[in-house]
Amino acid sequence: YHFEVQESLPGWRLFVHLLGPNGFYGNFDHVPVDGAHPVERWQPGQ
């Protein structure tokens, strides 16, 4: 996924869901950049 940060995000986190037939729900939440760069630490312009 490609993101451009425009404002800091204190307290925010990324979620990823897979939604399918018959009410299927899969949760693929994770810390971005293979765990190295939580959303909390994203800086404007990155």
All heavy atoms as atom14 arrays in JSON, in Angstrom:
{
  "sequence": "YHFEVQESLPGWRLFVHLLGPNGFYGNFDHVPVDGAHPVERWQPGQ",
  "atom14_mask": [
    [1, 1, 1, 1, 1, 1, 1, 1, 1, 1, 1, 1, 0, 0],
    [1, 1, 1, 1, 1, 1, 1, 1, 1, 1, 0, 0, 0, 0],
    [1, 1, 1, 1, 1, 1, 1, 1, 1, 1, 1, 0, 0, 0],
    [1, 1, 1, 1, 1, 1, 1, 1, 1, 0, 0, 0, 0, 0],
    [1, 1, 1, 1, 1, 1, 1, 0, 0, 0, 0, 0, 0, 0],
    [1, 1, 1, 1, 1, 1, 1, 1, 1, 0, 0, 0, 0, 0],
    [1, 1, 1, 1, 1, 1, 1, 1, 1, 0, 0, 0, 0, 0],
    [1, 1, 1, 1, 1, 1, 0, 0, 0, 0, 0, 0, 0, 0],
    [1, 1, 1, 1, 1, 1, 1, 1, 0, 0, 0, 0, 0, 0],
    [1, 1, 1, 1, 1, 1, 1, 0, 0, 0, 0, 0, 0, 0],
    [1, 1, 1, 1, 0, 0, 0, 0, 0, 0, 0, 0, 0, 0],
    [1, 1, 1, 1, 1, 1, 1, 1, 1, 1, 1, 1, 1, 1],
    [1, 1, 1, 1, 1, 1, 1, 1, 1, 1, 1, 0, 0, 0],
    [1, 1, 1, 1, 1, 1, 1, 1, 0, 0, 0, 0, 0, 0],
    [1, 1, 1, 1, 1, 1, 1, 1, 1, 1, 1, 0, 0, 0],
    [1, 1, 1, 1, 1, 1, 1, 0, 0, 0, 0, 0, 0, 0],
    [1, 1, 1, 1, 1, 1, 1, 1, 1, 1, 0, 0, 0, 0],
    [1, 1, 1, 1, 1, 1, 1, 1, 0, 0, 0, 0, 0, 0],
    [1, 1, 1, 1, 1, 1, 1, 1, 0, 0, 0, 0, 0, 0],
    [1, 1, 1, 1, 0, 0, 0, 0, 0, 0, 0, 0, 0, 0],
    [1, 1, 1, 1, 1, 1, 1, 0, 0, 0, 0, 0, 0, 0],
    [1, 1, 1, 1, 1, 1, 1, 1, 0, 0, 0, 0, 0, 0],
    [1, 1, 1, 1, 0, 0, 0, 0, 0, 0, 0, 0, 0, 0],
    [1, 1, 1, 1, 1, 1, 1, 1, 1, 1, 1, 0, 0, 0],
    [1, 1, 1, 1, 1, 1, 1, 1, 1, 1, 1, 1, 0, 0],
    [1, 1, 1, 1, 0, 0, 0, 0, 0, 0, 0, 0, 0, 0],
    [1, 1, 1, 1, 1, 1, 1, 1, 0, 0, 0, 0, 0, 0],
    [1, 1, 1, 1, 1, 1, 1, 1, 1, 1, 1, 0, 0, 0],
    [1, 1, 1, 1, 1, 1, 1, 1, 0, 0, 0, 0, 0, 0],
    [1, 1, 1, 1, 1, 1, 1, 1, 1, 1, 0, 0, 0, 0],
    [1, 1, 1, 1, 1, 1, 1, 0, 0, 0, 0, 0, 0, 0],
    [1, 1, 1, 1, 1, 1, 1, 0, 0, 0, 0, 0, 0, 0],
    [1, 1, 1, 1, 1, 1, 1, 0, 0, 0, 0, 0, 0, 0],
    [1, 1, 1, 1, 1, 1, 1, 1, 0, 0, 0, 0, 0, 0],
    [1, 1, 1, 1, 0, 0, 0, 0, 0, 0, 0, 0, 0, 0],
    [1, 1, 1, 1, 1, 0, 0, 0, 0, 0, 0, 0, 0, 0],
    [1, 1, 1, 1, 1, 1, 1, 1, 1, 1, 0, 0, 0, 0],
    [1, 1, 1, 1, 1, 1, 1, 0, 0, 0, 0, 0, 0, 0],
    [1, 1, 1, 1, 1, 1, 1, 0, 0, 0, 0, 0, 0, 0],
    [1, 1, 1, 1, 1, 1, 1, 1, 1, 0, 0, 0, 0, 0],
    [1, 1, 1, 1, 1, 1, 1, 1, 1, 1, 1, 0, 0, 0],
    [1, 1, 1, 1, 1, 1, 1, 1, 1, 1, 1, 1, 1, 1],
    [1, 1, 1, 1, 1, 1, 1, 1, 1, 0, 0, 0, 0, 0],
    [1, 1, 1, 1, 1, 1, 1, 0, 0, 0, 0, 0, 0, 0],
    [1, 1, 1, 1, 0, 0, 0, 0, 0, 0, 0, 0, 0, 0],
    [1, 1, 1, 1, 1, 1, 1, 1, 1, 0, 0, 0, 0, 0]
  ],
  "atom14_positions": [
    [[0.84, -1.19, 0.0], [0.0, 0.0, 0.0], [0.88, 1.25, 0.0], [1.9, 1.3, 0.69], [-0.9, 0.02, 1.24], [-1.55, -1.29, 1.57], [-1.12, -2.05, 2.66], [-2.6, -1.79, 0.8], [-1.71, -3.26, 2.98], [-3.2, -3.01, 1.12], [-2.75, -3.74, 2.21], [-3.32, -4.94, 2.52], [0.0, 0.0, 0.0], [0.0, 0.0, 0.0]],
    [[0.47, 2.26, -0.75], [1.24, 3.51, -0.83], [0.44, 4.63, -0.15], [-0.68, 4.95, -0.57], [1.5, 3.89, -2.29], [2.5, 3.02, -2.98], [3.69, 3.5, -3.48], [2.49, 1.69, -3.25], [4.36, 2.5, -4.03], [3.65, 1.39, -3.92], [0.0, 0.0, 0.0], [0.0, 0.0, 0.0], [0.0, 0.0, 0.0], [0.0, 0.0, 0.0]],
    [[1.05, 5.24, 0.87], [0.42, 6.34, 1.6], [1.3, 7.58, 1.53], [2.53, 7.48, 1.53], [0.22, 5.98, 3.07], [-0.61, 4.76, 3.33], [0.01, 3.55, 3.63], [-1.99, 4.81, 3.3], [-0.75, 2.41, 3.89], [-2.76, 3.69, 3.56], [-2.14, 2.48, 3.85], [0.0, 0.0, 0.0], [0.0, 0.0, 0.0], [0.0, 0.0, 0.0]],
    [[0.66, 8.74, 1.54], [1.37, 10.01, 1.71], [0.83, 10.66, 2.98], [-0.38, 10.9, 3.09], [1.17, 10.93, 0.52], [1.87, 12.27, 0.68], [1.55, 13.24, -0.45], [0.9, 12.84, -1.43], [1.94, 14.43, -0.32], [0.0, 0.0, 0.0], [0.0, 0.0, 0.0], [0.0, 0.0, 0.0], [0.0, 0.0, 0.0], [0.0, 0.0, 0.0]],
    [[1.7, 10.96, 3.93], [1.28, 11.51, 5.22], [1.17, 13.03, 5.11], [2.11, 13.69, 4.66], [2.28, 11.15, 6.34], [1.74, 11.59, 7.69], [2.57, 9.65, 6.33], [0.0, 0.0, 0.0], [0.0, 0.0, 0.0], [0.0, 0.0, 0.0], [0.0, 0.0, 0.0], [0.0, 0.0, 0.0], [0.0, 0.0, 0.0], [0.0, 0.0, 0.0]],
    [[0.02, 13.56, 5.51], [-0.19, 15.01, 5.44], [-0.33, 15.65, 6.81], [-0.12, 16.85, 6.96], [-1.43, 15.29, 4.57], [-1.2, 14.79, 3.14], [-2.39, 14.99, 2.23], [-3.53, 14.84, 2.66], [-2.13, 15.31, 0.97], [0.0, 0.0, 0.0], [0.0, 0.0, 0.0], [0.0, 0.0, 0.0], [0.0, 0.0, 0.0], [0.0, 0.0, 0.0]],
    [[-0.71, 14.86, 7.81], [-0.78, 15.33, 9.19], [-0.33, 14.2, 10.1], [-0.46, 13.03, 9.75], [-2.21, 15.75, 9.57], [-2.76, 16.91, 8.77], [-4.22, 17.2, 9.13], [-4.78, 16.47, 9.98], [-4.79, 18.14, 8.53], [0.0, 0.0, 0.0], [0.0, 0.0, 0.0], [0.0, 0.0, 0.0], [0.0, 0.0, 0.0], [0.0, 0.0, 0.0]],
    [[0.19, 14.55, 11.28], [0.56, 13.52, 12.24], [-0.7, 12.82, 12.74], [-1.8, 13.38, 12.71], [1.34, 14.12, 13.41], [0.57, 15.1, 14.06], [0.0, 0.0, 0.0], [0.0, 0.0, 0.0], [0.0, 0.0, 0.0], [0.0, 0.0, 0.0], [0.0, 0.0, 0.0], [0.0, 0.0, 0.0], [0.0, 0.0, 0.0], [0.0, 0.0, 0.0]],
    [[-0.53, 11.59, 13.23], [-1.67, 10.74, 13.6], [-1.5, 10.17, 15.01], [-1.4, 8.96, 15.19], [-1.8, 9.6, 12.59], [-2.21, 10.04, 11.19], [-1.27, 9.44, 10.15], [-3.63, 9.65, 10.9], [0.0, 0.0, 0.0], [0.0, 0.0, 0.0], [0.0, 0.0, 0.0], [0.0, 0.0, 0.0], [0.0, 0.0, 0.0], [0.0, 0.0, 0.0]],
    [[-1.48, 11.02, 16.03], [-1.3, 10.51, 17.39], [-2.45, 9.59, 17.8], [-3.62, 9.96, 17.74], [-1.28, 11.79, 18.24], [-1.99, 12.81, 17.42], [-1.66, 12.48, 16.0], [0.0, 0.0, 0.0], [0.0, 0.0, 0.0], [0.0, 0.0, 0.0], [0.0, 0.0, 0.0], [0.0, 0.0, 0.0], [0.0, 0.0, 0.0], [0.0, 0.0, 0.0]],
    [[-2.09, 8.39, 18.2], [-3.09, 7.44, 18.68], [-3.76, 6.62, 17.61], [-4.49, 5.67, 17.92], [0.0, 0.0, 0.0], [0.0, 0.0, 0.0], [0.0, 0.0, 0.0], [0.0, 0.0, 0.0], [0.0, 0.0, 0.0], [0.0, 0.0, 0.0], [0.0, 0.0, 0.0], [0.0, 0.0, 0.0], [0.0, 0.0, 0.0], [0.0, 0.0, 0.0]],
    [[-3.53, 6.92, 16.33], [-4.21, 6.19, 15.25], [-3.43, 4.95, 14.85], [-2.19, 4.91, 14.97], [-4.4, 7.1, 14.05], [-5.39, 8.19, 14.29], [-5.12, 9.44, 14.76], [-6.81, 8.12, 14.13], [-6.28, 10.16, 14.89], [-7.34, 9.38, 14.51], [-7.68, 7.12, 13.7], [-8.7, 9.65, 14.45], [-9.04, 7.4, 13.65], [-9.54, 8.65, 14.02]],
    [[-4.16, 3.96, 14.36], [-3.55, 2.71, 13.89], [-4.2, 2.27, 12.58], [-5.33, 2.65, 12.28], [-3.7, 1.62, 14.95], [-3.06, 2.0, 16.29], [-3.12, 0.89, 17.29], [-2.62, 1.33, 18.59], [-2.46, 0.54, 19.65], [-2.79, -0.75, 19.58], [-1.99, 1.02, 20.79], [0.0, 0.0, 0.0], [0.0, 0.0, 0.0], [0.0, 0.0, 0.0]],
    [[-3.46, 1.47, 11.84], [-3.95, 0.96, 10.56], [-4.72, -0.33, 10.79], [-4.32, -1.17, 11.59], [-2.76, 0.7, 9.64], [-3.07, 0.06, 8.27], [-3.79, 1.06, 7.37], [-1.77, -0.41, 7.62], [0.0, 0.0, 0.0], [0.0, 0.0, 0.0], [0.0, 0.0, 0.0], [0.0, 0.0, 0.0], [0.0, 0.0, 0.0], [0.0, 0.0, 0.0]],
    [[-5.85, -0.49, 10.07], [-6.52, -1.78, 10.08], [-6.71, -2.26, 8.64], [-6.83, -1.45, 7.71], [-7.87, -1.73, 10.81], [-8.95, -0.9, 10.14], [-9.73, -1.43, 9.12], [-9.2, 0.4, 10.55], [-10.73, -0.68, 8.52], [-10.2, 1.16, 9.96], [-10.97, 0.62, 8.93], [0.0, 0.0, 0.0], [0.0, 0.0, 0.0], [0.0, 0.0, 0.0]],
    [[-6.71, -3.58, 8.45], [-6.91, -4.2, 7.15], [-7.91, -5.33, 7.32], [-7.68, -6.25, 8.12], [-5.59, -4.74, 6.56], [-5.84, -5.38, 5.2], [-4.55, -3.64, 6.44], [0.0, 0.0, 0.0], [0.0, 0.0, 0.0], [0.0, 0.0, 0.0], [0.0, 0.0, 0.0], [0.0, 0.0, 0.0], [0.0, 0.0, 0.0], [0.0, 0.0, 0.0]],
    [[-9.0, -5.28, 6.56], [-10.05, -6.29, 6.66], [-10.3, -6.94, 5.31], [-10.18, -6.28, 4.27], [-11.36, -5.67, 7.15], [-11.29, -5.11, 8.53], [-12.21, -4.21, 9.03], [-10.38, -5.29, 9.54], [-11.9, -3.88, 10.27], [-10.79, -4.51, 10.6], [0.0, 0.0, 0.0], [0.0, 0.0, 0.0], [0.0, 0.0, 0.0], [0.0, 0.0, 0.0]],
    [[-10.64, -8.21, 5.34], [-11.05, -8.94, 4.14], [-12.52, -9.34, 4.35], [-12.84, -10.07, 5.28], [-10.18, -10.17, 3.92], [-10.44, -10.96, 2.63], [-10.14, -10.08, 1.41], [-9.58, -12.23, 2.58], [0.0, 0.0, 0.0], [0.0, 0.0, 0.0], [0.0, 0.0, 0.0], [0.0, 0.0, 0.0], [0.0, 0.0, 0.0], [0.0, 0.0, 0.0]],
    [[-13.38, -8.82, 3.47], [-14.82, -9.01, 3.62], [-15.34, -9.84, 2.46], [-15.08, -9.52, 1.3], [-15.52, -7.65, 3.65], [-14.91, -6.63, 4.63], [-15.47, -5.25, 4.39], [-15.16, -7.08, 6.07], [0.0, 0.0, 0.0], [0.0, 0.0, 0.0], [0.0, 0.0, 0.0], [0.0, 0.0, 0.0], [0.0, 0.0, 0.0], [0.0, 0.0, 0.0]],
    [[-16.07, -10.92, 2.77], [-16.49, -11.83, 1.72], [-17.92, -12.3, 1.84], [-18.7, -11.78, 2.64], [0.0, 0.0, 0.0], [0.0, 0.0, 0.0], [0.0, 0.0, 0.0], [0.0, 0.0, 0.0], [0.0, 0.0, 0.0], [0.0, 0.0, 0.0], [0.0, 0.0, 0.0], [0.0, 0.0, 0.0], [0.0, 0.0, 0.0], [0.0, 0.0, 0.0]],
    [[-18.26, -13.34, 1.04], [-19.64, -13.84, 1.02], [-20.06, -14.42, 2.37], [-19.23, -14.82, 3.19], [-19.58, -14.95, -0.05], [-18.36, -14.66, -0.85], [-17.39, -14.03, 0.1], [0.0, 0.0, 0.0], [0.0, 0.0, 0.0], [0.0, 0.0, 0.0], [0.0, 0.0, 0.0], [0.0, 0.0, 0.0], [0.0, 0.0, 0.0], [0.0, 0.0, 0.0]],
    [[-21.36, -14.44, 2.58], [-21.95, -15.04, 3.79], [-21.43, -14.4, 5.07], [-21.26, -15.08, 6.08], [-21.7, -16.56, 3.81], [-22.21, -17.25, 2.55], [-23.27, -16.89, 2.03], [-21.45, -18.22, 2.07], [0.0, 0.0, 0.0], [0.0, 0.0, 0.0], [0.0, 0.0, 0.0], [0.0, 0.0, 0.0], [0.0, 0.0, 0.0], [0.0, 0.0, 0.0]],
    [[-21.13, -13.1, 5.02], [-20.67, -12.41, 6.2], [-19.23, -12.7, 6.59], [-18.82, -12.41, 7.72], [0.0, 0.0, 0.0], [0.0, 0.0, 0.0], [0.0, 0.0, 0.0], [0.0, 0.0, 0.0], [0.0, 0.0, 0.0], [0.0, 0.0, 0.0], [0.0, 0.0, 0.0], [0.0, 0.0, 0.0], [0.0, 0.0, 0.0], [0.0, 0.0, 0.0]],
    [[-18.44, -13.26, 5.67], [-17.03, -13.57, 5.99], [-16.28, -12.3, 6.38], [-16.41, -11.25, 5.74], [-16.33, -14.22, 4.8], [-14.86, -14.44, 5.04], [-14.42, -15.6, 5.67], [-13.92, -13.48, 4.68], [-13.06, -15.8, 5.92], [-12.57, -13.67, 4.92], [-12.15, -14.83, 5.55], [0.0, 0.0, 0.0], [0.0, 0.0, 0.0], [0.0, 0.0, 0.0]],
    [[-15.46, -12.42, 7.45], [-14.65, -11.3, 7.92], [-13.28, -11.82, 8.32], [-13.16, -12.72, 9.15], [-15.33, -10.62, 9.12], [-14.45, -9.67, 9.89], [-14.25, -8.36, 9.44], [-13.82, -10.07, 11.06], [-13.46, -7.49, 10.16], [-13.02, -9.2, 11.78], [-12.84, -7.91, 11.33], [-12.04, -7.05, 12.02], [0.0, 0.0, 0.0], [0.0, 0.0, 0.0]],
    [[-12.23, -11.27, 7.71], [-10.87, -11.61, 8.08], [-10.12, -10.37, 8.52], [-10.19, -9.33, 7.86], [0.0, 0.0, 0.0], [0.0, 0.0, 0.0], [0.0, 0.0, 0.0], [0.0, 0.0, 0.0], [0.0, 0.0, 0.0], [0.0, 0.0, 0.0], [0.0, 0.0, 0.0], [0.0, 0.0, 0.0], [0.0, 0.0, 0.0], [0.0, 0.0, 0.0]],
    [[-9.43, -10.47, 9.65], [-8.69, -9.34, 10.2], [-7.2, -9.52, 9.92], [-6.6, -10.5, 10.36], [-8.94, -9.25, 11.71], [-8.36, -7.97, 12.31], [-7.28, -7.54, 11.94], [-9.07, -7.38, 13.24], [0.0, 0.0, 0.0], [0.0, 0.0, 0.0], [0.0, 0.0, 0.0], [0.0, 0.0, 0.0], [0.0, 0.0, 0.0], [0.0, 0.0, 0.0]],
    [[-6.63, -8.56, 9.19], [-5.2, -8.6, 8.86], [-4.5, -7.33, 9.34], [-3.59, -6.82, 8.68], [-5.02, -8.8, 7.35], [-5.5, -10.13, 6.85], [-6.79, -10.28, 6.37], [-4.67, -11.24, 6.87], [-7.25, -11.51, 5.92], [-5.12, -12.48, 6.43], [-6.42, -12.62, 5.94], [0.0, 0.0, 0.0], [0.0, 0.0, 0.0], [0.0, 0.0, 0.0]],
    [[-4.93, -6.86, 10.51], [-4.28, -5.68, 11.1], [-2.81, -5.97, 11.36], [-2.42, -7.11, 11.68], [-4.94, -5.31, 12.43], [-6.39, -4.84, 12.25], [-6.87, -4.85, 11.11], [-7.01, -4.48, 13.26], [0.0, 0.0, 0.0], [0.0, 0.0, 0.0], [0.0, 0.0, 0.0], [0.0, 0.0, 0.0], [0.0, 0.0, 0.0], [0.0, 0.0, 0.0]],
    [[-1.97, -4.95, 11.24], [-0.53, -5.11, 11.46], [0.1, -3.75, 11.67], [-0.51, -2.72, 11.38], [0.12, -5.81, 10.26], [-0.01, -5.02, 8.99], [-1.18, -4.99, 8.25], [0.87, -4.22, 8.34], [-1.02, -4.21, 7.19], [0.21, -3.71, 7.22], [0.0, 0.0, 0.0], [0.0, 0.0, 0.0], [0.0, 0.0, 0.0], [0.0, 0.0, 0.0]],
    [[1.31, -3.74, 12.18], [2.09, -2.51, 12.31], [2.8, -2.28, 10.97], [3.48, -3.17, 10.46], [3.12, -2.61, 13.45], [3.99, -1.35, 13.51], [2.41, -2.83, 14.78], [0.0, 0.0, 0.0], [0.0, 0.0, 0.0], [0.0, 0.0, 0.0], [0.0, 0.0, 0.0], [0.0, 0.0, 0.0], [0.0, 0.0, 0.0], [0.0, 0.0, 0.0]],
    [[2.63, -1.11, 10.36], [3.17, -0.87, 9.02], [4.69, -1.02, 8.92], [5.41, -0.96, 9.9], [2.73, 0.57, 8.72], [1.53, 0.78, 9.58], [1.81, 0.02, 10.84], [0.0, 0.0, 0.0], [0.0, 0.0, 0.0], [0.0, 0.0, 0.0], [0.0, 0.0, 0.0], [0.0, 0.0, 0.0], [0.0, 0.0, 0.0], [0.0, 0.0, 0.0]],
    [[5.11, -1.19, 7.66], [6.53, -1.31, 7.29], [7.15, -2.48, 8.05], [8.19, -2.35, 8.7], [7.3, 0.01, 7.52], [8.68, -0.04, 6.87], [6.52, 1.21, 6.96], [0.0, 0.0, 0.0], [0.0, 0.0, 0.0], [0.0, 0.0, 0.0], [0.0, 0.0, 0.0], [0.0, 0.0, 0.0], [0.0, 0.0, 0.0], [0.0, 0.0, 0.0]],
    [[6.5, -3.62, 7.98], [6.99, -4.85, 8.62], [7.28, -4.63, 10.1], [8.27, -5.14, 10.64], [8.24, -5.37, 7.91], [7.92, -5.94, 6.53], [6.81, -6.48, 6.36], [8.77, -5.82, 5.62], [0.0, 0.0, 0.0], [0.0, 0.0, 0.0], [0.0, 0.0, 0.0], [0.0, 0.0, 0.0], [0.0, 0.0, 0.0], [0.0, 0.0, 0.0]],
    [[6.44, -3.84, 10.76], [6.58, -3.61, 12.19], [7.53, -2.49, 12.58], [7.67, -2.2, 13.77], [0.0, 0.0, 0.0], [0.0, 0.0, 0.0], [0.0, 0.0, 0.0], [0.0, 0.0, 0.0], [0.0, 0.0, 0.0], [0.0, 0.0, 0.0], [0.0, 0.0, 0.0], [0.0, 0.0, 0.0], [0.0, 0.0, 0.0], [0.0, 0.0, 0.0]],
    [[8.16, -1.84, 11.61], [9.21, -0.86, 11.93], [8.69, 0.56, 12.1], [9.38, 1.4, 12.7], [10.28, -0.87, 10.84], [0.0, 0.0, 0.0], [0.0, 0.0, 0.0], [0.0, 0.0, 0.0], [0.0, 0.0, 0.0], [0.0, 0.0, 0.0], [0.0, 0.0, 0.0], [0.0, 0.0, 0.0], [0.0, 0.0, 0.0], [0.0, 0.0, 0.0]],
    [[7.49, 0.86, 11.58], [7.06, 2.27, 11.56], [5.57, 2.39, 11.89], [4.74, 2.54, 11.0], [7.35, 2.86, 10.18], [7.42, 4.35, 10.15], [7.93, 5.12, 11.18], [7.03, 5.25, 9.19], [7.87, 6.4, 10.85], [7.31, 6.51, 9.66], [0.0, 0.0, 0.0], [0.0, 0.0, 0.0], [0.0, 0.0, 0.0], [0.0, 0.0, 0.0]],
    [[5.23, 2.34, 13.2], [3.81, 2.48, 13.59], [3.23, 3.81, 13.11], [3.95, 4.8, 12.95], [3.87, 2.43, 15.12], [5.18, 1.8, 15.45], [6.11, 2.18, 14.36], [0.0, 0.0, 0.0], [0.0, 0.0, 0.0], [0.0, 0.0, 0.0], [0.0, 0.0, 0.0], [0.0, 0.0, 0.0], [0.0, 0.0, 0.0], [0.0, 0.0, 0.0]],
    [[1.93, 3.81, 12.89], [1.24, 5.02, 12.43], [1.51, 6.19, 13.37], [1.62, 7.34, 12.94], [-0.27, 4.75, 12.3], [-1.03, 6.03, 11.95], [-0.52, 3.68, 11.23], [0.0, 0.0, 0.0], [0.0, 0.0, 0.0], [0.0, 0.0, 0.0], [0.0, 0.0, 0.0], [0.0, 0.0, 0.0], [0.0, 0.0, 0.0], [0.0, 0.0, 0.0]],
    [[1.63, 5.91, 14.67], [1.95, 6.95, 15.67], [3.17, 7.77, 15.27], [3.27, 8.95, 15.63], [2.24, 6.28, 17.02], [1.02, 5.77, 17.75], [0.43, 6.82, 18.68], [0.92, 7.96, 18.63], [-0.5, 6.5, 19.41], [0.0, 0.0, 0.0], [0.0, 0.0, 0.0], [0.0, 0.0, 0.0], [0.0, 0.0, 0.0], [0.0, 0.0, 0.0]],
    [[4.1, 7.15, 14.56], [5.37, 7.81, 14.26], [5.44, 8.38, 12.85], [6.47, 8.91, 12.45], [6.52, 6.82, 14.5], [6.61, 6.39, 15.95], [7.67, 5.37, 16.18], [7.65, 4.91, 17.58], [8.29, 3.85, 18.03], [9.02, 3.11, 17.2], [8.22, 3.5, 19.31], [0.0, 0.0, 0.0], [0.0, 0.0, 0.0], [0.0, 0.0, 0.0]],
    [[4.37, 8.26, 12.1], [4.37, 8.85, 10.77], [4.47, 10.36, 10.88], [3.85, 10.99, 11.74], [3.1, 8.47, 10.03], [3.02, 7.01, 9.64], [3.83, 6.0, 10.06], [2.05, 6.43, 8.77], [3.44, 4.81, 9.5], [2.35, 5.03, 8.71], [0.97, 6.91, 8.05], [1.6, 4.15, 7.95], [0.22, 6.04, 7.28], [0.53, 4.67, 7.22]],
    [[5.25, 10.95, 9.97], [5.47, 12.39, 9.99], [4.97, 13.01, 8.69], [5.08, 12.42, 7.62], [6.97, 12.69, 10.15], [7.58, 12.19, 11.45], [6.96, 12.85, 12.66], [6.71, 14.05, 12.66], [6.7, 12.07, 13.71], [0.0, 0.0, 0.0], [0.0, 0.0, 0.0], [0.0, 0.0, 0.0], [0.0, 0.0, 0.0], [0.0, 0.0, 0.0]],
    [[4.38, 14.22, 8.77], [3.92, 14.89, 7.55], [5.03, 14.99, 6.51], [6.17, 15.32, 6.82], [3.51, 16.28, 8.06], [3.12, 16.05, 9.49], [4.09, 15.0, 9.99], [0.0, 0.0, 0.0], [0.0, 0.0, 0.0], [0.0, 0.0, 0.0], [0.0, 0.0, 0.0], [0.0, 0.0, 0.0], [0.0, 0.0, 0.0], [0.0, 0.0, 0.0]],
    [[4.65, 14.68, 5.27], [5.61, 14.7, 4.17], [6.22, 13.35, 3.86], [6.79, 13.17, 2.77], [0.0, 0.0, 0.0], [0.0, 0.0, 0.0], [0.0, 0.0, 0.0], [0.0, 0.0, 0.0], [0.0, 0.0, 0.0], [0.0, 0.0, 0.0], [0.0, 0.0, 0.0], [0.0, 0.0, 0.0], [0.0, 0.0, 0.0], [0.0, 0.0, 0.0]],
    [[6.12, 12.4, 4.77], [6.64, 11.05, 4.49], [5.75, 10.33, 3.5], [4.52, 10.49, 3.5], [6.74, 10.23, 5.77], [7.82, 10.65, 6.74], [7.87, 9.75, 7.96], [6.89, 9.12, 8.33], [9.02, 9.71, 8.62], [0.0, 0.0, 0.0], [0.0, 0.0, 0.0], [0.0, 0.0, 0.0], [0.0, 0.0, 0.0], [0.0, 0.0, 0.0]]
  ]
}
